Amino acid sequence: MWKIVFLNETVCDELNVLPEDQRAKFTWIAELIQEHGLEKVREPYVKHLEKGLGEIRMKGRDGISRALYVVAKPKRVVVVRVFVKKTQKTPRKEIKLALKRAGEIT
């Protein structure tokens, strides 16, 4: 069974400042991953980005946000960055920050 975990308190705080409907969407997608497995959940809910980095895609009345994650053993989705998305493409600086944080995973 898959587990969804946060890298640290900072990432939890990033999620908690999102609008309620986007947080609810995150929870719903996280439950899908836990029930069916990450390999069975696809777009529009999750998308692979690069270098083992993926994104959980939340959309709400107030816009869109992303939770960037990496996969760790055993069957863990480790959320390393949550942010409000304002551009078409995921900004390079967000990907770089997520990859840097992913280096902290033990």
PDB file of N, CA and C in Angstrom:
ATOM      1  N   MET A   1       0.846  -1.199   0.000  1.00  0.00           N
ATOM      2  CA  MET A   1       0.000   0.000   0.000  1.00  0.00           C
ATOM      3  C   MET A   1       0.884   1.253   0.000  1.00  0.00           C
ATOM      4  N   TRP A   2       0.533   2.210  -0.808  1.00  0.00           N
ATOM      5  CA  TRP A   2       1.294   3.452  -0.930  1.00  0.00           C
ATOM      6  C   TRP A   2       1.007   4.388   0.235  1.00  0.00           C
ATOM      7  N   LYS A   3       2.031   5.114   0.656  1.00  0.00           N
ATOM      8  CA  LYS A   3       1.888   6.133   1.701  1.00  0.00           C
ATOM      9  C   LYS A   3       2.267   7.484   1.108  1.00  0.00           C
ATOM     10  N   ILE A   4       1.563   8.528   1.526  1.00  0.00           N
ATOM     11  CA  ILE A   4       1.892   9.898   1.133  1.00  0.00           C
ATOM     12  C   ILE A   4       2.478  10.564   2.374  1.00  0.00           C
ATOM     13  N   VAL A   5       3.707  11.070   2.264  1.00  0.00           N
ATOM     14  CA  VAL A   5       4.349  11.737   3.395  1.00  0.00           C
ATOM     15  C   VAL A   5       4.915  13.079   2.937  1.00  0.00           C
ATOM     16  N   PHE A   6       5.114  13.949   3.900  1.00  0.00           N
ATOM     17  CA  PHE A   6       5.705  15.256   3.619  1.00  0.00           C
ATOM     18  C   PHE A   6       7.148  15.245   4.071  1.00  0.00           C
ATOM     19  N   LEU A   7       8.004  15.897   3.300  1.00  0.00           N
ATOM     20  CA  LEU A   7       9.425  15.958   3.626  1.00  0.00           C
ATOM     21  C   LEU A   7       9.641  16.553   5.012  1.00  0.00           C
ATOM     22  N   ASN A   8       8.919  17.663   5.306  1.00  0.00           N
ATOM     23  CA  ASN A   8       9.100  18.348   6.596  1.00  0.00           C
ATOM     24  C   ASN A   8       7.925  19.297   6.850  1.00  0.00           C
ATOM     25  N   GLU A   9       8.011  20.026   7.952  1.00  0.00           N
ATOM     26  CA  GLU A   9       6.951  20.969   8.341  1.00  0.00           C
ATOM     27  C   GLU A   9       6.767  22.083   7.307  1.00  0.00           C
ATOM     28  N   THR A  10       7.850  22.523   6.701  1.00  0.00           N
ATOM     29  CA  THR A  10       7.776  23.589   5.699  1.00  0.00           C
ATOM     30  C   THR A  10       6.821  23.194   4.580  1.00  0.00           C
ATOM     31  N   VAL A  11       6.928  21.945   4.122  1.00  0.00           N
ATOM     32  CA  VAL A  11       6.071  21.468   3.029  1.00  0.00           C
ATOM     33  C   VAL A  11       4.619  21.382   3.510  1.00  0.00           C
ATOM     34  N   CYS A  12       4.403  20.937   4.744  1.00  0.00           N
ATOM     35  CA  CYS A  12       3.039  20.915   5.308  1.00  0.00           C
ATOM     36  C   CYS A  12       2.449  22.320   5.329  1.00  0.00           C
ATOM     37  N   ASP A  13       3.270  23.282   5.750  1.00  0.00           N
ATOM     38  CA  ASP A  13       2.809  24.676   5.801  1.00  0.00           C
ATOM     39  C   ASP A  13       2.461  25.188   4.409  1.00  0.00           C
ATOM     40  N   GLU A  14       3.262  24.809   3.403  1.00  0.00           N
ATOM     41  CA  GLU A  14       2.980  25.231   2.027  1.00  0.00           C
ATOM     42  C   GLU A  14       1.611  24.719   1.586  1.00  0.00           C
ATOM     43  N   LEU A  15       1.282  23.490   1.956  1.00  0.00           N
ATOM     44  CA  LEU A  15      -0.029  22.929   1.604  1.00  0.00           C
ATOM     45  C   LEU A  15      -1.140  23.653   2.366  1.00  0.00           C
ATOM     46  N   ASN A  16      -0.902  23.923   3.641  1.00  0.00           N
ATOM     47  CA  ASN A  16      -1.944  24.513   4.483  1.00  0.00           C
ATOM     48  C   ASN A  16      -2.335  25.928   4.106  1.00  0.00           C
ATOM     49  N   VAL A  17      -1.481  26.646   3.352  1.00  0.00           N
ATOM     50  CA  VAL A  17      -1.853  28.009   2.947  1.00  0.00           C
ATOM     51  C   VAL A  17      -2.660  28.031   1.648  1.00  0.00           C
ATOM     52  N   LEU A  18      -2.813  26.873   1.012  1.00  0.00           N
ATOM     53  CA  LEU A  18      -3.618  26.826  -0.215  1.00  0.00           C
ATOM     54  C   LEU A  18      -5.094  27.006   0.124  1.00  0.00           C
ATOM     55  N   PRO A  19      -5.890  27.455  -0.855  1.00  0.00           N
ATOM     56  CA  PRO A  19      -7.337  27.540  -0.643  1.00  0.00           C
ATOM     57  C   PRO A  19      -7.909  26.164  -0.288  1.00  0.00           C
ATOM     58  N   GLU A  20      -8.986  26.166   0.469  1.00  0.00           N
ATOM     59  CA  GLU A  20      -9.578  24.927   0.980  1.00  0.00           C
ATOM     60  C   GLU A  20      -9.917  23.923  -0.123  1.00  0.00           C
ATOM     61  N   ASP A  21     -10.456  24.398  -1.249  1.00  0.00           N
ATOM     62  CA  ASP A  21     -10.843  23.454  -2.304  1.00  0.00           C
ATOM     63  C   ASP A  21      -9.622  22.770  -2.930  1.00  0.00           C
ATOM     64  N   GLN A  22      -8.497  23.481  -2.982  1.00  0.00           N
ATOM     65  CA  GLN A  22      -7.282  22.865  -3.524  1.00  0.00           C
ATOM     66  C   GLN A  22      -6.685  21.864  -2.531  1.00  0.00           C
ATOM     67  N   ARG A  23      -6.773  22.171  -1.238  1.00  0.00           N
ATOM     68  CA  ARG A  23      -6.312  21.210  -0.216  1.00  0.00           C
ATOM     69  C   ARG A  23      -7.180  19.954  -0.269  1.00  0.00           C
ATOM     70  N   ALA A  24      -8.483  20.144  -0.451  1.00  0.00           N
ATOM     71  CA  ALA A  24      -9.394  18.996  -0.540  1.00  0.00           C
ATOM     72  C   ALA A  24      -9.065  18.142  -1.760  1.00  0.00           C
ATOM     73  N   LYS A  25      -8.715  18.781  -2.863  1.00  0.00           N
ATOM     74  CA  LYS A  25      -8.345  18.053  -4.077  1.00  0.00           C
ATOM     75  C   LYS A  25      -7.061  17.245  -3.836  1.00  0.00           C
ATOM     76  N   PHE A  26      -6.096  17.848  -3.125  1.00  0.00           N
ATOM     77  CA  PHE A  26      -4.864  17.127  -2.781  1.00  0.00           C
ATOM     78  C   PHE A  26      -5.202  15.868  -1.981  1.00  0.00           C
ATOM     79  N   THR A  27      -6.040  16.022  -0.971  1.00  0.00           N
ATOM     80  CA  THR A  27      -6.427  14.889  -0.124  1.00  0.00           C
ATOM     81  C   THR A  27      -7.109  13.807  -0.953  1.00  0.00           C
ATOM     82  N   TRP A  28      -7.975  14.218  -1.865  1.00  0.00           N
ATOM     83  CA  TRP A  28      -8.704  13.263  -2.713  1.00  0.00           C
ATOM     84  C   TRP A  28      -7.726  12.483  -3.604  1.00  0.00           C
ATOM     85  N   ILE A  29      -6.781  13.181  -4.230  1.00  0.00           N
ATOM     86  CA  ILE A  29      -5.804  12.526  -5.100  1.00  0.00           C
ATOM     87  C   ILE A  29      -4.883  11.623  -4.274  1.00  0.00           C
ATOM     88  N   ALA A  30      -4.491  12.083  -3.083  1.00  0.00           N
ATOM     89  CA  ALA A  30      -3.648  11.267  -2.195  1.00  0.00           C
ATOM     90  C   ALA A  30      -4.364   9.959  -1.841  1.00  0.00           C
ATOM     91  N   GLU A  31      -5.668  10.040  -1.590  1.00  0.00           N
ATOM     92  CA  GLU A  31      -6.443   8.828  -1.283  1.00  0.00           C
ATOM     93  C   GLU A  31      -6.515   7.902  -2.494  1.00  0.00           C
ATOM     94  N   LEU A  32      -6.638   8.474  -3.695  1.00  0.00           N
ATOM     95  CA  LEU A  32      -6.620   7.657  -4.918  1.00  0.00           C
ATOM     96  C   LEU A  32      -5.311   6.878  -5.022  1.00  0.00           C
ATOM     97  N   ILE A  33      -4.202   7.567  -4.769  1.00  0.00           N
ATOM     98  CA  ILE A  33      -2.879   6.932  -4.835  1.00  0.00           C
ATOM     99  C   ILE A  33      -2.770   5.816  -3.799  1.00  0.00           C
ATOM    100  N   GLN A  34      -3.249   6.081  -2.583  1.00  0.00           N
ATOM    101  CA  GLN A  34      -3.177   5.078  -1.521  1.00  0.00           C
ATOM    102  C   GLN A  34      -4.041   3.856  -1.845  1.00  0.00           C
ATOM    103  N   GLU A  35      -5.212   4.074  -2.409  1.00  0.00           N
ATOM    104  CA  GLU A  35      -6.137   2.972  -2.707  1.00  0.00           C
ATOM    105  C   GLU A  35      -5.722   2.159  -3.927  1.00  0.00           C
ATOM    106  N   HIS A  36      -5.302   2.844  -4.996  1.00  0.00           N
ATOM    107  CA  HIS A  36      -5.068   2.166  -6.273  1.00  0.00           C
ATOM    108  C   HIS A  36      -3.600   2.010  -6.642  1.00  0.00           C
ATOM    109  N   GLY A  37      -2.717   2.744  -5.971  1.00  0.00           N
ATOM    110  CA  GLY A  37      -1.296   2.695  -6.289  1.00  0.00           C
ATOM    111  C   GLY A  37      -0.925   3.799  -7.254  1.00  0.00           C
ATOM    112  N   LEU A  38       0.251   4.369  -7.047  1.00  0.00           N
ATOM    113  CA  LEU A  38       0.707   5.494  -7.873  1.00  0.00           C
ATOM    114  C   LEU A  38       0.745   5.125  -9.351  1.00  0.00           C
ATOM    115  N   GLU A  39       1.125   3.884  -9.650  1.00  0.00           N
ATOM    116  CA  GLU A  39       1.247   3.466 -11.055  1.00  0.00           C
ATOM    117  C   GLU A  39      -0.089   3.470 -11.801  1.00  0.00           C
ATOM    118  N   LYS A  40      -1.211   3.439 -11.073  1.00  0.00           N
ATOM    119  CA  LYS A  40      -2.527   3.420 -11.722  1.00  0.00           C
ATOM    120  C   LYS A  40      -3.163   4.806 -11.824  1.00  0.00           C
ATOM    121  N   VAL A  41      -2.624   5.785 -11.120  1.00  0.00           N
ATOM    122  CA  VAL A  41      -3.186   7.142 -11.140  1.00  0.00           C
ATOM    123  C   VAL A  41      -2.404   7.955 -12.170  1.00  0.00           C
ATOM    124  N   ARG A  42      -3.105   8.520 -13.115  1.00  0.00           N
ATOM    125  CA  ARG A  42      -2.476   9.229 -14.244  1.00  0.00           C
ATOM    126  C   ARG A  42      -3.019  10.650 -14.353  1.00  0.00           C
ATOM    127  N   GLU A  43      -2.634  11.307 -15.468  1.00  0.00           N
ATOM    128  CA  GLU A  43      -3.190  12.631 -15.749  1.00  0.00           C
ATOM    129  C   GLU A  43      -4.703  12.507 -15.843  1.00  0.00           C
ATOM    130  N   PRO A  44      -5.438  13.483 -15.413  1.00  0.00           N
ATOM    131  CA  PRO A  44      -5.017  14.835 -15.049  1.00  0.00           C
ATOM    132  C   PRO A  44      -4.609  14.988 -13.577  1.00  0.00           C
ATOM    133  N   TYR A  45      -4.508  13.889 -12.828  1.00  0.00           N
ATOM    134  CA  TYR A  45      -4.238  14.004 -11.393  1.00  0.00           C
ATOM    135  C   TYR A  45      -2.755  14.050 -11.050  1.00  0.00           C
ATOM    136  N   VAL A  46      -1.966  13.206 -11.693  1.00  0.00           N
ATOM    137  CA  VAL A  46      -0.520  13.225 -11.483  1.00  0.00           C
ATOM    138  C   VAL A  46       0.183  13.217 -12.831  1.00  0.00           C
ATOM    139  N   LYS A  47       1.399  13.763 -12.845  1.00  0.00           N
ATOM    140  CA  LYS A  47       2.169  13.819 -14.080  1.00  0.00           C
ATOM    141  C   LYS A  47       3.654  13.717 -13.737  1.00  0.00           C
ATOM    142  N   HIS A  48       4.384  12.951 -14.538  1.00  0.00           N
ATOM    143  CA  HIS A  48       5.831  12.854 -14.359  1.00  0.00           C
ATOM    144  C   HIS A  48       6.474  14.106 -14.958  1.00  0.00           C
ATOM    145  N   LEU A  49       7.441  14.678 -14.247  1.00  0.00           N
ATOM    146  CA  LEU A  49       8.134  15.860 -14.759  1.00  0.00           C
ATOM    147  C   LEU A  49       9.512  15.484 -15.294  1.00  0.00           C
ATOM    148  N   GLU A  50      10.466  15.246 -14.401  1.00  0.00           N
ATOM    149  CA  GLU A  50      11.836  14.906 -14.817  1.00  0.00           C
ATOM    150  C   GLU A  50      12.602  14.345 -13.631  1.00  0.00           C
ATOM    151  N   LYS A  51      13.675  13.610 -13.913  1.00  0.00           N
ATOM    152  CA  LYS A  51      14.602  13.109 -12.886  1.00  0.00           C
ATOM    153  C   LYS A  51      13.889  12.530 -11.667  1.00  0.00           C
ATOM    154  N   GLY A  52      12.859  11.734 -11.888  1.00  0.00           N
ATOM    155  CA  GLY A  52      12.149  11.116 -10.768  1.00  0.00           C
ATOM    156  C   GLY A  52      11.171  12.029 -10.064  1.00  0.00           C
ATOM    157  N   LEU A  53      11.004  13.243 -10.576  1.00  0.00           N
ATOM    158  CA  LEU A  53      10.103  14.215  -9.965  1.00  0.00           C
ATOM    159  C   LEU A  53       8.732  14.130 -10.641  1.00  0.00           C
ATOM    160  N   GLY A  54       7.691  14.154  -9.827  1.00  0.00           N
ATOM    161  CA  GLY A  54       6.336  14.150 -10.361  1.00  0.00           C
ATOM    162  C   GLY A  54       5.536  15.257  -9.699  1.00  0.00           C
ATOM    163  N   GLU A  55       4.333  15.493 -10.226  1.00  0.00           N
ATOM    164  CA  GLU A  55       3.482  16.516  -9.620  1.00  0.00           C
ATOM    165  C   GLU A  55       2.079  15.993  -9.428  1.00  0.00           C
ATOM    166  N   ILE A  56       1.507  16.342  -8.278  1.00  0.00           N
ATOM    167  CA  ILE A  56       0.087  16.126  -8.007  1.00  0.00           C
ATOM    168  C   ILE A  56      -0.567  17.441  -8.395  1.00  0.00           C
ATOM    169  N   ARG A  57      -1.602  17.346  -9.239  1.00  0.00           N
ATOM    170  CA  ARG A  57      -2.165  18.550  -9.854  1.00  0.00           C
ATOM    171  C   ARG A  57      -3.511  18.908  -9.230  1.00  0.00           C
ATOM    172  N   MET A  58      -3.558  20.041  -8.549  1.00  0.00           N
ATOM    173  CA  MET A  58      -4.781  20.489  -7.902  1.00  0.00           C
ATOM    174  C   MET A  58      -5.332  21.707  -8.630  1.00  0.00           C
ATOM    175  N   LYS A  59      -6.656  21.703  -8.795  1.00  0.00           N
ATOM    176  CA  LYS A  59      -7.330  22.816  -9.445  1.00  0.00           C
ATOM    177  C   LYS A  59      -8.541  23.177  -8.593  1.00  0.00           C
ATOM    178  N   GLY A  60      -8.754  24.476  -8.412  1.00  0.00           N
ATOM    179  CA  GLY A  60      -9.892  24.918  -7.619  1.00  0.00           C
ATOM    180  C   GLY A  60     -10.471  26.197  -8.186  1.00  0.00           C
ATOM    181  N   ARG A  61     -11.448  26.740  -7.492  1.00  0.00           N
ATOM    182  CA  ARG A  61     -12.091  27.984  -7.945  1.00  0.00           C
ATOM    183  C   ARG A  61     -11.091  29.133  -8.050  1.00  0.00           C
ATOM    184  N   ASP A  62     -10.099  29.135  -7.145  1.00  0.00           N
ATOM    185  CA  ASP A  62      -9.157  30.255  -7.083  1.00  0.00           C
ATOM    186  C   ASP A  62      -7.885  30.036  -7.893  1.00  0.00           C
ATOM    187  N   GLY A  63      -7.860  29.007  -8.735  1.00  0.00           N
ATOM    188  CA  GLY A  63      -6.669  28.792  -9.546  1.00  0.00           C
ATOM    189  C   GLY A  63      -6.157  27.369  -9.433  1.00  0.00           C
ATOM    190  N   ILE A  64      -4.868  27.214  -9.736  1.00  0.00           N
ATOM    191  CA  ILE A  64      -4.277  25.879  -9.716  1.00  0.00           C
ATOM    192  C   ILE A  64      -3.012  25.871  -8.862  1.00  0.00           C
ATOM    193  N   SER A  65      -2.714  24.706  -8.334  1.00  0.00           N
ATOM    194  CA  SER A  65      -1.495  24.557  -7.545  1.00  0.00           C
ATOM    195  C   SER A  65      -0.928  23.175  -7.816  1.00  0.00           C
ATOM    196  N   ARG A  66       0.303  22.984  -7.380  1.00  0.00           N
ATOM    197  CA  ARG A  66       1.001  21.726  -7.609  1.00  0.00           C
ATOM    198  C   ARG A  66       1.697  21.282  -6.334  1.00  0.00           C
ATOM    199  N   ALA A  67       1.751  19.978  -6.152  1.00  0.00           N
ATOM    200  CA  ALA A  67       2.546  19.372  -5.087  1.00  0.00           C
ATOM    201  C   ALA A  67       3.582  18.503  -5.792  1.00  0.00           C
ATOM    202  N   LEU A  68       4.838  18.900  -5.712  1.00  0.00           N
ATOM    203  CA  LEU A  68       5.905  18.147  -6.367  1.00  0.00           C
ATOM    204  C   LEU A  68       6.381  17.048  -5.417  1.00  0.00           C
ATOM    205  N   TYR A  69       6.641  15.870  -5.987  1.00  0.00           N
ATOM    206  CA  TYR A  69       7.010  14.725  -5.147  1.00  0.00           C
ATOM    207  C   TYR A  69       8.071  13.868  -5.818  1.00  0.00           C
ATOM    208  N   VAL A  70       8.693  13.030  -4.998  1.00  0.00           N
ATOM    209  CA  VAL A  70       9.570  11.972  -5.483  1.00  0.00           C
ATOM    210  C   VAL A  70       9.086  10.677  -4.846  1.00  0.00           C
ATOM    211  N   VAL A  71       9.444   9.573  -5.460  1.00  0.00           N
ATOM    212  CA  VAL A  71       9.063   8.271  -4.935  1.00  0.00           C
ATOM    213  C   VAL A  71      10.243   7.704  -4.162  1.00  0.00           C
ATOM    214  N   ALA A  72       9.950   7.192  -2.966  1.00  0.00           N
ATOM    215  CA  ALA A  72      10.974   6.554  -2.142  1.00  0.00           C
ATOM    216  C   ALA A  72      10.484   5.161  -1.758  1.00  0.00           C
ATOM    217  N   LYS A  73      11.408   4.317  -1.383  1.00  0.00           N
ATOM    218  CA  LYS A  73      11.024   2.960  -0.976  1.00  0.00           C
ATOM    219  C   LYS A  73      10.715   2.958   0.505  1.00  0.00           C
ATOM    220  N   PRO A  74       9.853   2.119   1.013  1.00  0.00           N
ATOM    221  CA  PRO A  74       8.961   1.266   0.240  1.00  0.00           C
ATOM    222  C   PRO A  74       7.652   1.984  -0.068  1.00  0.00           C
ATOM    223  N   LYS A  75       7.321   2.106  -1.318  1.00  0.00           N
ATOM    224  CA  LYS A  75       6.050   2.675  -1.795  1.00  0.00           C
ATOM    225  C   LYS A  75       5.638   3.942  -1.047  1.00  0.00           C
ATOM    226  N   ARG A  76       6.548   4.929  -1.074  1.00  0.00           N
ATOM    227  CA  ARG A  76       6.258   6.220  -0.445  1.00  0.00           C
ATOM    228  C   ARG A  76       6.297   7.317  -1.488  1.00  0.00           C
ATOM    229  N   VAL A  77       5.295   8.180  -1.454  1.00  0.00           N
ATOM    230  CA  VAL A  77       5.290   9.406  -2.246  1.00  0.00           C
ATOM    231  C   VAL A  77       5.694  10.496  -1.260  1.00  0.00           C
ATOM    232  N   VAL A  78       6.865  11.087  -1.467  1.00  0.00           N
ATOM    233  CA  VAL A  78       7.363  12.119  -0.558  1.00  0.00           C
ATOM    234  C   VAL A  78       7.152  13.483  -1.217  1.00  0.00           C
ATOM    235  N   VAL A  79       6.245  14.256  -0.643  1.00  0.00           N
ATOM    236  CA  VAL A  79       5.952  15.594  -1.173  1.00  0.00           C
ATOM    237  C   VAL A  79       7.055  16.533  -0.693  1.00  0.00           C
ATOM    238  N   VAL A  80       7.734  17.181  -1.661  1.00  0.00           N
ATOM    239  CA  VAL A  80       8.880  18.029  -1.327  1.00  0.00           C
ATOM    240  C   VAL A  80       8.626  19.528  -1.550  1.00  0.00           C
ATOM    241  N   ARG A  81       7.560  19.863  -2.286  1.00  0.00           N
ATOM    242  CA  ARG A  81       7.262  21.280  -2.539  1.00  0.00           C
ATOM    243  C   ARG A  81       5.805  21.429  -2.952  1.00  0.00           C
ATOM    244  N   VAL A  82       5.126  22.439  -2.383  1.00  0.00           N
ATOM    245  CA  VAL A  82       3.748  22.767  -2.763  1.00  0.00           C
ATOM    246  C   VAL A  82       3.718  24.255  -3.083  1.00  0.00           C
ATOM    247  N   PHE A  83       3.090  24.605  -4.216  1.00  0.00           N
ATOM    248  CA  PHE A  83       3.050  26.017  -4.606  1.00  0.00           C
ATOM    249  C   PHE A  83       1.841  26.291  -5.493  1.00  0.00           C
ATOM    250  N   VAL A  84       1.478  27.573  -5.574  1.00  0.00           N
ATOM    251  CA  VAL A  84       0.413  28.023  -6.466  1.00  0.00           C
ATOM    252  C   VAL A  84       1.040  28.238  -7.832  1.00  0.00           C
ATOM    253  N   LYS A  85       0.407  27.694  -8.852  1.00  0.00           N
ATOM    254  CA  LYS A  85       0.951  27.771 -10.205  1.00  0.00           C
ATOM    255  C   LYS A  85       0.318  28.958 -10.930  1.00  0.00           C
ATOM    256  N   LYS A  86       1.170  29.805 -11.484  1.00  0.00           N
ATOM    257  CA  LYS A  86       0.673  31.014 -12.154  1.00  0.00           C
ATOM    258  C   LYS A  86       1.025  31.048 -13.639  1.00  0.00           C
ATOM    259  N   THR A  87       1.829  30.083 -14.103  1.00  0.00           N
ATOM    260  CA  THR A  87       2.242  30.059 -15.502  1.00  0.00           C
ATOM    261  C   THR A  87       1.833  28.732 -16.135  1.00  0.00           C
ATOM    262  N   GLN A  88       1.890  28.677 -17.455  1.00  0.00           N
ATOM    263  CA  GLN A  88       1.518  27.463 -18.187  1.00  0.00           C
ATOM    264  C   GLN A  88       2.413  26.283 -17.796  1.00  0.00           C
ATOM    265  N   LYS A  89       3.726  26.516 -17.828  1.00  0.00           N
ATOM    266  CA  LYS A  89       4.682  25.467 -17.482  1.00  0.00           C
ATOM    267  C   LYS A  89       5.070  25.586 -16.014  1.00  0.00           C
ATOM    268  N   THR A  90       5.435  24.450 -15.417  1.00  0.00           N
ATOM    269  CA  THR A  90       5.944  24.492 -14.045  1.00  0.00           C
ATOM    270  C   THR A  90       7.274  25.255 -14.060  1.00  0.00           C
ATOM    271  N   PRO A  91       7.372  26.328 -13.256  1.00  0.00           N
ATOM    272  CA  PRO A  91       8.585  27.153 -13.286  1.00  0.00           C
ATOM    273  C   PRO A  91       9.849  26.361 -12.943  1.00  0.00           C
ATOM    274  N   ARG A  92      10.907  26.656 -13.647  1.00  0.00           N
ATOM    275  CA  ARG A  92      12.205  25.995 -13.461  1.00  0.00           C
ATOM    276  C   ARG A  92      12.682  26.102 -12.004  1.00  0.00           C
ATOM    277  N   LYS A  93      12.477  27.283 -11.392  1.00  0.00           N
ATOM    278  CA  LYS A  93      12.960  27.469 -10.016  1.00  0.00           C
ATOM    279  C   LYS A  93      12.231  26.536  -9.050  1.00  0.00           C
ATOM    280  N   GLU A  94      10.963  26.228  -9.326  1.00  0.00           N
ATOM    281  CA  GLU A  94      10.216  25.303  -8.457  1.00  0.00           C
ATOM    282  C   GLU A  94      10.771  23.884  -8.611  1.00  0.00           C
ATOM    283  N   ILE A  95      11.085  23.499  -9.836  1.00  0.00           N
ATOM    284  CA  ILE A  95      11.653  22.172 -10.088  1.00  0.00           C
ATOM    285  C   ILE A  95      13.022  22.062  -9.408  1.00  0.00           C
ATOM    286  N   LYS A  96      13.841  23.101  -9.542  1.00  0.00           N
ATOM    287  CA  LYS A  96      15.171  23.087  -8.910  1.00  0.00           C
ATOM    288  C   LYS A  96      15.058  22.973  -7.394  1.00  0.00           C
ATOM    289  N   LEU A  97      14.147  23.737  -6.798  1.00  0.00           N
ATOM    290  CA  LEU A  97      13.957  23.683  -5.347  1.00  0.00           C
ATOM    291  C   LEU A  97      13.498  22.289  -4.922  1.00  0.00           C
ATOM    292  N   ALA A  98      12.569  21.713  -5.667  1.00  0.00           N
ATOM    293  CA  ALA A  98      12.064  20.382  -5.345  1.00  0.00           C
ATOM    294  C   ALA A  98      13.174  19.338  -5.432  1.00  0.00           C
ATOM    295  N   LEU A  99      13.993  19.424  -6.459  1.00  0.00           N
ATOM    296  CA  LEU A  99      15.099  18.463  -6.610  1.00  0.00           C
ATOM    297  C   LEU A  99      16.124  18.636  -5.488  1.00  0.00           C
ATOM    298  N   LYS A 100      16.378  19.875  -5.092  1.00  0.00           N
ATOM    299  CA  LYS A 100      17.305  20.142  -3.981  1.00  0.00           C
ATOM    300  C   LYS A 100      16.752  19.521  -2.693  1.00  0.00           C
ATOM    301  N   ARG A 101      15.466  19.758  -2.426  1.00  0.00           N
ATOM    302  CA  ARG A 101      14.843  19.189  -1.231  1.00  0.00           C
ATOM    303  C   ARG A 101      14.823  17.667  -1.281  1.00  0.00           C
ATOM    304  N   ALA A 102      14.619  17.110  -2.487  1.00  0.00           N
ATOM    305  CA  ALA A 102      14.572  15.648  -2.626  1.00  0.00           C
ATOM    306  C   ALA A 102      15.886  15.024  -2.187  1.00  0.00           C
ATOM    307  N   GLY A 103      16.991  15.777  -2.312  1.00  0.00           N
ATOM    308  CA  GLY A 103      18.282  15.286  -1.863  1.00  0.00           C
ATOM    309  C   GLY A 103      18.373  15.061  -0.363  1.00  0.00           C
ATOM    310  N   GLU A 104      17.410  15.617   0.388  1.00  0.00           N
ATOM    311  CA  GLU A 104      17.395  15.473   1.853  1.00  0.00           C
ATOM    312  C   GLU A 104      16.719  14.184   2.311  1.00  0.00           C
ATOM    313  N   ILE A 105      16.080  13.473   1.394  1.00  0.00           N
ATOM    314  CA  ILE A 105      15.322  12.281   1.781  1.00  0.00           C
ATOM    315  C   ILE A 105      16.267  11.150   2.166  1.00  0.00           C
ATOM    316  N   THR A 106      15.942  10.508   3.292  1.00  0.00           N
ATOM    317  CA  THR A 106      16.774   9.375   3.733  1.00  0.00           C
ATOM    318  C   THR A 106      16.072   8.070   3.500  1.00  0.00           C
TER     319      THR A 106
END
